[in-house]
């Protein structure tokens, strides 16, 4: 399941970390960087903001970075509770609660559409 994590340092800028939760743990894909003047774009939840974020450079693939940089990113996230434990919780929550709920809703609407 794809997730975005945001971090910021006031007066400097923000970052948006794109990651995926898998059965193996948390996989960090890219880290997009925003300077101070664009940092509000990170948290804005509008179609225009999504479009603007998609146009920006998302950063290199984290898996392509040197091991020491990857370790530093992992340490940074782990210190903030963003780790394999959280990934496991998200996986379980989606599998056990969210997916069955959404599937039931989908079935109900699908049935209404095709039966009328």
C-alpha atoms as a PDB file:
ATOM      1  CA  UNK A   1       0.000   0.000   0.000  1.00  0.00           C
ATOM      2  CA  UNK A   2       1.425   3.330  -1.017  1.00  0.00           C
ATOM      3  CA  UNK A   3       1.791   6.065   1.581  1.00  0.00           C
ATOM      4  CA  UNK A   4       3.264   9.537   1.729  1.00  0.00           C
ATOM      5  CA  UNK A   5       5.066  10.794   4.788  1.00  0.00           C
ATOM      6  CA  UNK A   6       5.864  14.467   5.289  1.00  0.00           C
ATOM      7  CA  UNK A   7       8.682  16.093   7.188  1.00  0.00           C
ATOM      8  CA  UNK A   8       9.641  19.715   7.493  1.00  0.00           C
ATOM      9  CA  UNK A   9      12.117  22.057   9.057  1.00  0.00           C
ATOM     10  CA  UNK A  10      10.712  25.554   9.487  1.00  0.00           C
ATOM     11  CA  UNK A  11      12.653  28.183   7.646  1.00  0.00           C
ATOM     12  CA  UNK A  12      14.343  25.609   5.413  1.00  0.00           C
ATOM     13  CA  UNK A  13      11.785  23.447   3.629  1.00  0.00           C
ATOM     14  CA  UNK A  14       9.862  20.195   3.518  1.00  0.00           C
ATOM     15  CA  UNK A  15      10.086  16.733   2.099  1.00  0.00           C
ATOM     16  CA  UNK A  16       7.565  14.185   0.951  1.00  0.00           C
ATOM     17  CA  UNK A  17       8.638  10.584   1.364  1.00  0.00           C
ATOM     18  CA  UNK A  18       6.867   8.109  -0.906  1.00  0.00           C
ATOM     19  CA  UNK A  19       6.885   4.635   0.538  1.00  0.00           C
ATOM     20  CA  UNK A  20       5.111   1.326   0.209  1.00  0.00           C
ATOM     21  CA  UNK A  21       4.120  -1.102   2.920  1.00  0.00           C
ATOM     22  CA  UNK A  22       4.758  -4.713   1.952  1.00  0.00           C
ATOM     23  CA  UNK A  23       4.778  -8.072   3.685  1.00  0.00           C
ATOM     24  CA  UNK A  24       8.544  -7.610   4.014  1.00  0.00           C
ATOM     25  CA  UNK A  25       8.277  -4.194   5.683  1.00  0.00           C
ATOM     26  CA  UNK A  26       8.510  -0.577   4.674  1.00  0.00           C
ATOM     27  CA  UNK A  27      10.068   0.301   1.321  1.00  0.00           C
ATOM     28  CA  UNK A  28      11.048   3.939   0.769  1.00  0.00           C
ATOM     29  CA  UNK A  29      10.817   4.766  -2.924  1.00  0.00           C
ATOM     30  CA  UNK A  30      11.597   8.472  -3.379  1.00  0.00           C
ATOM     31  CA  UNK A  31      11.979  11.676  -1.384  1.00  0.00           C
ATOM     32  CA  UNK A  32      10.768  14.882  -3.003  1.00  0.00           C
ATOM     33  CA  UNK A  33      12.238  18.105  -1.592  1.00  0.00           C
ATOM     34  CA  UNK A  34      10.413  21.454  -1.367  1.00  0.00           C
ATOM     35  CA  UNK A  35      12.043  24.742  -0.457  1.00  0.00           C
ATOM     36  CA  UNK A  36      10.450  27.079   2.072  1.00  0.00           C
ATOM     37  CA  UNK A  37       8.340  28.959  -0.486  1.00  0.00           C
ATOM     38  CA  UNK A  38       6.793  25.705  -1.792  1.00  0.00           C
ATOM     39  CA  UNK A  39       6.449  23.800   1.473  1.00  0.00           C
ATOM     40  CA  UNK A  40       2.683  24.435   1.754  1.00  0.00           C
ATOM     41  CA  UNK A  41       2.285  22.403  -1.436  1.00  0.00           C
ATOM     42  CA  UNK A  42       3.334  19.269   0.479  1.00  0.00           C
ATOM     43  CA  UNK A  43       0.293  19.283   2.774  1.00  0.00           C
ATOM     44  CA  UNK A  44      -2.301  20.805   0.465  1.00  0.00           C
ATOM     45  CA  UNK A  45      -4.941  18.251  -0.517  1.00  0.00           C
ATOM     46  CA  UNK A  46      -6.446  19.531  -3.742  1.00  0.00           C
ATOM     47  CA  UNK A  47      -6.411  18.289  -7.321  1.00  0.00           C
ATOM     48  CA  UNK A  48      -4.259  21.262  -8.297  1.00  0.00           C
ATOM     49  CA  UNK A  49      -1.738  20.505  -5.552  1.00  0.00           C
ATOM     50  CA  UNK A  50      -1.607  16.851  -6.649  1.00  0.00           C
ATOM     51  CA  UNK A  51      -0.967  17.994 -10.205  1.00  0.00           C
ATOM     52  CA  UNK A  52       1.766  20.419  -9.119  1.00  0.00           C
ATOM     53  CA  UNK A  53       3.448  17.735  -6.994  1.00  0.00           C
ATOM     54  CA  UNK A  54       3.356  15.285  -9.905  1.00  0.00           C
ATOM     55  CA  UNK A  55       5.168  17.819 -12.107  1.00  0.00           C
ATOM     56  CA  UNK A  56       8.054  18.175  -9.659  1.00  0.00           C
ATOM     57  CA  UNK A  57      11.204  16.111  -9.540  1.00  0.00           C
ATOM     58  CA  UNK A  58      10.487  13.324  -7.063  1.00  0.00           C
ATOM     59  CA  UNK A  59      14.106  12.696  -6.246  1.00  0.00           C
ATOM     60  CA  UNK A  60      16.207   9.655  -7.100  1.00  0.00           C
ATOM     61  CA  UNK A  61      15.054   6.142  -6.312  1.00  0.00           C
ATOM     62  CA  UNK A  62      16.214   5.556  -2.772  1.00  0.00           C
ATOM     63  CA  UNK A  63      17.318   2.045  -3.745  1.00  0.00           C
ATOM     64  CA  UNK A  64      19.819   3.663  -6.155  1.00  0.00           C
ATOM     65  CA  UNK A  65      21.461   5.755  -3.421  1.00  0.00           C
ATOM     66  CA  UNK A  66      24.609   4.768  -1.569  1.00  0.00           C
ATOM     67  CA  UNK A  67      24.061   2.338   1.308  1.00  0.00           C
ATOM     68  CA  UNK A  68      25.128   4.929   3.901  1.00  0.00           C
ATOM     69  CA  UNK A  69      22.466   7.367   2.664  1.00  0.00           C
ATOM     70  CA  UNK A  70      19.840   4.619   2.672  1.00  0.00           C
ATOM     71  CA  UNK A  71      20.833   3.751   6.247  1.00  0.00           C
ATOM     72  CA  UNK A  72      20.531   7.409   7.257  1.00  0.00           C
ATOM     73  CA  UNK A  73      17.044   7.630   5.745  1.00  0.00           C
ATOM     74  CA  UNK A  74      16.033   4.437   7.538  1.00  0.00           C
ATOM     75  CA  UNK A  75      17.378   5.754  10.855  1.00  0.00           C
ATOM     76  CA  UNK A  76      15.575   9.096  10.363  1.00  0.00           C
ATOM     77  CA  UNK A  77      12.255   7.342   9.764  1.00  0.00           C
ATOM     78  CA  UNK A  78      12.741   4.766  12.540  1.00  0.00           C
ATOM     79  CA  UNK A  79      13.406   7.539  15.078  1.00  0.00           C
ATOM     80  CA  UNK A  80       9.977   8.898  14.158  1.00  0.00           C
ATOM     81  CA  UNK A  81       8.164   5.541  14.417  1.00  0.00           C
ATOM     82  CA  UNK A  82       7.952   4.997  10.674  1.00  0.00           C
ATOM     83  CA  UNK A  83       9.316   1.492  10.390  1.00  0.00           C
ATOM     84  CA  UNK A  84       8.514  -2.143   9.717  1.00  0.00           C
ATOM     85  CA  UNK A  85       6.282  -2.321  12.817  1.00  0.00           C
ATOM     86  CA  UNK A  86       4.099   0.472  11.446  1.00  0.00           C
ATOM     87  CA  UNK A  87       4.155  -1.194   8.033  1.00  0.00           C
ATOM     88  CA  UNK A  88       2.896  -4.428   9.579  1.00  0.00           C
ATOM     89  CA  UNK A  89       0.127  -2.580  11.400  1.00  0.00           C
ATOM     90  CA  UNK A  90      -0.999  -0.884   8.175  1.00  0.00           C
ATOM     91  CA  UNK A  91      -0.942  -4.196   6.304  1.00  0.00           C
ATOM     92  CA  UNK A  92      -3.045  -5.890   9.011  1.00  0.00           C
ATOM     93  CA  UNK A  93      -5.489  -2.996   9.299  1.00  0.00           C
ATOM     94  CA  UNK A  94      -6.106  -2.867   5.570  1.00  0.00           C
ATOM     95  CA  UNK A  95      -6.412  -6.639   5.230  1.00  0.00           C
ATOM     96  CA  UNK A  96      -8.583  -7.228   8.295  1.00  0.00           C
ATOM     97  CA  UNK A  97     -10.764  -4.106   8.375  1.00  0.00           C
ATOM     98  CA  UNK A  98     -10.499  -1.652   5.518  1.00  0.00           C
ATOM     99  CA  UNK A  99     -10.503  -4.051   2.568  1.00  0.00           C
ATOM    100  CA  UNK A 100     -13.514  -6.130   3.740  1.00  0.00           C
ATOM    101  CA  UNK A 101     -15.436  -2.912   4.446  1.00  0.00           C
ATOM    102  CA  UNK A 102     -14.634  -1.430   1.029  1.00  0.00           C
ATOM    103  CA  UNK A 103     -15.316  -4.739  -0.717  1.00  0.00           C
ATOM    104  CA  UNK A 104     -18.738  -4.984   0.931  1.00  0.00           C
ATOM    105  CA  UNK A 105     -19.545  -1.430  -0.112  1.00  0.00           C
ATOM    106  CA  UNK A 106     -18.359  -2.165  -3.651  1.00  0.00           C
ATOM    107  CA  UNK A 107     -20.509  -5.310  -3.867  1.00  0.00           C
ATOM    108  CA  UNK A 108     -23.592  -3.474  -2.661  1.00  0.00           C
ATOM    109  CA  UNK A 109     -23.235  -0.673  -5.225  1.00  0.00           C
ATOM    110  CA  UNK A 110     -22.268  -3.105  -7.996  1.00  0.00           C
ATOM    111  CA  UNK A 111     -25.373  -5.165  -7.286  1.00  0.00           C
ATOM    112  CA  UNK A 112     -27.597  -2.086  -7.461  1.00  0.00           C
ATOM    113  CA  UNK A 113     -26.066  -1.031 -10.764  1.00  0.00           C
ATOM    114  CA  UNK A 114     -26.396  -4.384 -12.525  1.00  0.00           C
ATOM    115  CA  UNK A 115     -29.767  -5.429 -11.101  1.00  0.00           C
ATOM    116  CA  UNK A 116     -31.789  -2.393 -12.120  1.00  0.00           C
END
